[in-house]
């Protein structure tokens, strides 16, 4: 399975990438912002999921999600917003824009695994 982690924090990208690899994602790509993520999407076979931060330079995660959801060729891409944005209005806006799940930072491994399980990524909740 393929995944894309989009966050301007290299530490967060690495942390999430490791979690995804640990539960069976054999290809995990990383991008520091939405512009970079769109370029990666043009170059690789479509990932199964993208974990997206909201606050990033050049293109934020909300804009990235809106752009991806406008394209039919990405209709099957699962989108999980992983962000410090905790206001209900932001959560609602992200979900309305097309995010499939929403995780607030700081997060735990268990929360990420549970959200992956909810999105249909099989044994994610049981993986070590």
C-alpha atoms as a PDB file:
ATOM      1  CA  UNK A   1       0.000   0.000   0.000  1.00  0.00           C
ATOM      2  CA  UNK A   2       1.061   3.577  -0.635  1.00  0.00           C
ATOM      3  CA  UNK A   3       0.695   6.614   1.618  1.00  0.00           C
ATOM      4  CA  UNK A   4       1.585  10.290   1.468  1.00  0.00           C
ATOM      5  CA  UNK A   5       2.412  12.313   4.586  1.00  0.00           C
ATOM      6  CA  UNK A   6       2.128  16.085   4.157  1.00  0.00           C
ATOM      7  CA  UNK A   7       3.452  18.244   7.003  1.00  0.00           C
ATOM      8  CA  UNK A   8       5.943  21.090   7.199  1.00  0.00           C
ATOM      9  CA  UNK A   9       7.532  19.489  10.273  1.00  0.00           C
ATOM     10  CA  UNK A  10      10.139  16.927   9.253  1.00  0.00           C
ATOM     11  CA  UNK A  11       9.806  15.300  12.688  1.00  0.00           C
ATOM     12  CA  UNK A  12       6.050  14.808  12.315  1.00  0.00           C
ATOM     13  CA  UNK A  13       6.502  13.499   8.770  1.00  0.00           C
ATOM     14  CA  UNK A  14       9.023  10.920   9.956  1.00  0.00           C
ATOM     15  CA  UNK A  15       6.904   9.907  12.942  1.00  0.00           C
ATOM     16  CA  UNK A  16       3.772   9.371  10.838  1.00  0.00           C
ATOM     17  CA  UNK A  17       5.752   7.665   8.073  1.00  0.00           C
ATOM     18  CA  UNK A  18       7.163   5.185  10.590  1.00  0.00           C
ATOM     19  CA  UNK A  19       3.683   4.459  11.971  1.00  0.00           C
ATOM     20  CA  UNK A  20       2.377   3.828   8.469  1.00  0.00           C
ATOM     21  CA  UNK A  21       5.311   1.585   7.564  1.00  0.00           C
ATOM     22  CA  UNK A  22       4.827  -0.370  10.793  1.00  0.00           C
ATOM     23  CA  UNK A  23       1.239  -1.229   9.819  1.00  0.00           C
ATOM     24  CA  UNK A  24       1.986  -2.358   6.279  1.00  0.00           C
ATOM     25  CA  UNK A  25       2.363   0.670   4.046  1.00  0.00           C
ATOM     26  CA  UNK A  26       5.372  -0.346   1.966  1.00  0.00           C
ATOM     27  CA  UNK A  27       5.613   2.950   0.080  1.00  0.00           C
ATOM     28  CA  UNK A  28       5.384   6.141   2.146  1.00  0.00           C
ATOM     29  CA  UNK A  29       6.095   9.466   0.464  1.00  0.00           C
ATOM     30  CA  UNK A  30       6.629  12.759   2.278  1.00  0.00           C
ATOM     31  CA  UNK A  31       5.887  16.356   1.313  1.00  0.00           C
ATOM     32  CA  UNK A  32       6.503  19.581   3.228  1.00  0.00           C
ATOM     33  CA  UNK A  33       3.450  21.408   1.833  1.00  0.00           C
ATOM     34  CA  UNK A  34       0.495  21.080  -0.508  1.00  0.00           C
ATOM     35  CA  UNK A  35       2.384  22.250  -3.599  1.00  0.00           C
ATOM     36  CA  UNK A  36       5.043  19.598  -3.089  1.00  0.00           C
ATOM     37  CA  UNK A  37       2.330  17.000  -2.401  1.00  0.00           C
ATOM     38  CA  UNK A  38       0.522  17.772  -5.676  1.00  0.00           C
ATOM     39  CA  UNK A  39       3.811  17.349  -7.539  1.00  0.00           C
ATOM     40  CA  UNK A  40       4.379  13.981  -5.859  1.00  0.00           C
ATOM     41  CA  UNK A  41       0.840  12.909  -6.816  1.00  0.00           C
ATOM     42  CA  UNK A  42       1.683  13.670 -10.445  1.00  0.00           C
ATOM     43  CA  UNK A  43       4.764  11.444 -10.285  1.00  0.00           C
ATOM     44  CA  UNK A  44       3.611   8.334  -8.406  1.00  0.00           C
ATOM     45  CA  UNK A  45       0.823   5.809  -8.611  1.00  0.00           C
ATOM     46  CA  UNK A  46      -2.053   7.111  -6.504  1.00  0.00           C
ATOM     47  CA  UNK A  47      -1.565   6.504  -2.791  1.00  0.00           C
ATOM     48  CA  UNK A  48      -4.295   4.843  -0.759  1.00  0.00           C
ATOM     49  CA  UNK A  49      -4.201   7.550   1.915  1.00  0.00           C
ATOM     50  CA  UNK A  50      -2.765  10.991   2.573  1.00  0.00           C
ATOM     51  CA  UNK A  51      -2.223  12.381   6.078  1.00  0.00           C
ATOM     52  CA  UNK A  52      -2.420  16.157   5.794  1.00  0.00           C
ATOM     53  CA  UNK A  53      -1.434  18.984   8.148  1.00  0.00           C
ATOM     54  CA  UNK A  54      -3.506  22.162   7.957  1.00  0.00           C
ATOM     55  CA  UNK A  55      -0.901  24.868   8.595  1.00  0.00           C
ATOM     56  CA  UNK A  56       1.899  24.772   6.029  1.00  0.00           C
ATOM     57  CA  UNK A  57       3.678  27.317   3.847  1.00  0.00           C
ATOM     58  CA  UNK A  58       2.984  27.679   0.093  1.00  0.00           C
ATOM     59  CA  UNK A  59      -0.250  25.656   0.197  1.00  0.00           C
ATOM     60  CA  UNK A  60      -2.063  24.686   3.368  1.00  0.00           C
ATOM     61  CA  UNK A  61      -3.741  21.349   3.913  1.00  0.00           C
ATOM     62  CA  UNK A  62      -7.273  22.690   3.617  1.00  0.00           C
ATOM     63  CA  UNK A  63      -6.515  24.053   0.138  1.00  0.00           C
ATOM     64  CA  UNK A  64      -4.774  20.799  -0.796  1.00  0.00           C
ATOM     65  CA  UNK A  65      -7.841  18.768   0.213  1.00  0.00           C
ATOM     66  CA  UNK A  66     -10.164  21.054  -1.734  1.00  0.00           C
ATOM     67  CA  UNK A  67      -7.981  20.771  -4.848  1.00  0.00           C
ATOM     68  CA  UNK A  68      -7.714  16.982  -4.611  1.00  0.00           C
ATOM     69  CA  UNK A  69     -11.454  16.560  -4.113  1.00  0.00           C
ATOM     70  CA  UNK A  70     -12.168  18.551  -7.297  1.00  0.00           C
ATOM     71  CA  UNK A  71     -10.485  15.812  -9.328  1.00  0.00           C
ATOM     72  CA  UNK A  72     -12.329  12.606 -10.188  1.00  0.00           C
ATOM     73  CA  UNK A  73      -9.078  10.668 -10.540  1.00  0.00           C
ATOM     74  CA  UNK A  74      -8.484  11.115  -6.789  1.00  0.00           C
ATOM     75  CA  UNK A  75     -11.993  10.195  -5.632  1.00  0.00           C
ATOM     76  CA  UNK A  76     -10.719   7.009  -3.951  1.00  0.00           C
ATOM     77  CA  UNK A  77      -7.840   8.716  -2.119  1.00  0.00           C
ATOM     78  CA  UNK A  78      -8.542   8.700   1.622  1.00  0.00           C
ATOM     79  CA  UNK A  79      -7.640  11.965   3.348  1.00  0.00           C
ATOM     80  CA  UNK A  80      -6.884  12.283   7.052  1.00  0.00           C
ATOM     81  CA  UNK A  81      -6.306  15.782   8.432  1.00  0.00           C
ATOM     82  CA  UNK A  82      -3.697  15.671  11.236  1.00  0.00           C
ATOM     83  CA  UNK A  83      -3.414  19.155  12.720  1.00  0.00           C
ATOM     84  CA  UNK A  84      -3.245  21.465  15.726  1.00  0.00           C
ATOM     85  CA  UNK A  85      -6.483  23.112  14.574  1.00  0.00           C
ATOM     86  CA  UNK A  86      -9.019  22.188  17.260  1.00  0.00           C
ATOM     87  CA  UNK A  87     -11.877  24.639  16.680  1.00  0.00           C
ATOM     88  CA  UNK A  88     -15.132  22.948  15.710  1.00  0.00           C
ATOM     89  CA  UNK A  89     -15.457  25.282  12.724  1.00  0.00           C
ATOM     90  CA  UNK A  90     -12.119  24.079  11.355  1.00  0.00           C
ATOM     91  CA  UNK A  91     -13.038  20.421  11.871  1.00  0.00           C
ATOM     92  CA  UNK A  92     -16.338  20.962  10.068  1.00  0.00           C
ATOM     93  CA  UNK A  93     -14.667  22.900   7.240  1.00  0.00           C
ATOM     94  CA  UNK A  94     -12.095  20.147   6.663  1.00  0.00           C
ATOM     95  CA  UNK A  95     -14.718  17.407   6.637  1.00  0.00           C
ATOM     96  CA  UNK A  96     -16.963  19.463   4.346  1.00  0.00           C
ATOM     97  CA  UNK A  97     -13.999  20.010   1.998  1.00  0.00           C
ATOM     98  CA  UNK A  98     -13.506  16.265   1.714  1.00  0.00           C
ATOM     99  CA  UNK A  99     -11.357  15.030   4.574  1.00  0.00           C
ATOM    100  CA  UNK A 100     -12.404  11.521   5.587  1.00  0.00           C
ATOM    101  CA  UNK A 101     -11.056  11.748   9.140  1.00  0.00           C
ATOM    102  CA  UNK A 102      -9.669  14.414  11.466  1.00  0.00           C
ATOM    103  CA  UNK A 103      -6.963  13.973  14.117  1.00  0.00           C
ATOM    104  CA  UNK A 104      -5.891  16.730  16.497  1.00  0.00           C
ATOM    105  CA  UNK A 105      -2.254  17.161  17.519  1.00  0.00           C
ATOM    106  CA  UNK A 106      -0.791  16.062  19.781  1.00  0.00           C
ATOM    107  CA  UNK A 107      -1.854  12.566  18.799  1.00  0.00           C
ATOM    108  CA  UNK A 108      -0.966   9.092  19.997  1.00  0.00           C
ATOM    109  CA  UNK A 109      -0.051   6.072  17.945  1.00  0.00           C
ATOM    110  CA  UNK A 110      -3.309   4.465  19.070  1.00  0.00           C
ATOM    111  CA  UNK A 111      -5.398   7.357  17.711  1.00  0.00           C
ATOM    112  CA  UNK A 112      -3.687   7.190  14.316  1.00  0.00           C
ATOM    113  CA  UNK A 113      -4.103   3.412  14.182  1.00  0.00           C
ATOM    114  CA  UNK A 114      -7.773   3.647  15.134  1.00  0.00           C
ATOM    115  CA  UNK A 115      -8.443   6.238  12.421  1.00  0.00           C
ATOM    116  CA  UNK A 116      -6.659   4.047   9.862  1.00  0.00           C
ATOM    117  CA  UNK A 117      -8.853   1.149  10.946  1.00  0.00           C
ATOM    118  CA  UNK A 118     -11.992   3.300  10.588  1.00  0.00           C
ATOM    119  CA  UNK A 119     -10.880   4.171   7.051  1.00  0.00           C
ATOM    120  CA  UNK A 120     -10.656   0.493   6.189  1.00  0.00           C
ATOM    121  CA  UNK A 121      -6.968  -0.173   6.514  1.00  0.00           C
ATOM    122  CA  UNK A 122      -7.491  -3.634   7.951  1.00  0.00           C
ATOM    123  CA  UNK A 123      -5.223  -4.671  10.752  1.00  0.00           C
ATOM    124  CA  UNK A 124      -3.943  -1.175  11.517  1.00  0.00           C
ATOM    125  CA  UNK A 125      -5.500  -1.148  14.987  1.00  0.00           C
ATOM    126  CA  UNK A 126      -3.960  -4.507  15.890  1.00  0.00           C
ATOM    127  CA  UNK A 127      -0.468  -3.864  14.473  1.00  0.00           C
ATOM    128  CA  UNK A 128       2.486  -3.465  16.788  1.00  0.00           C
END
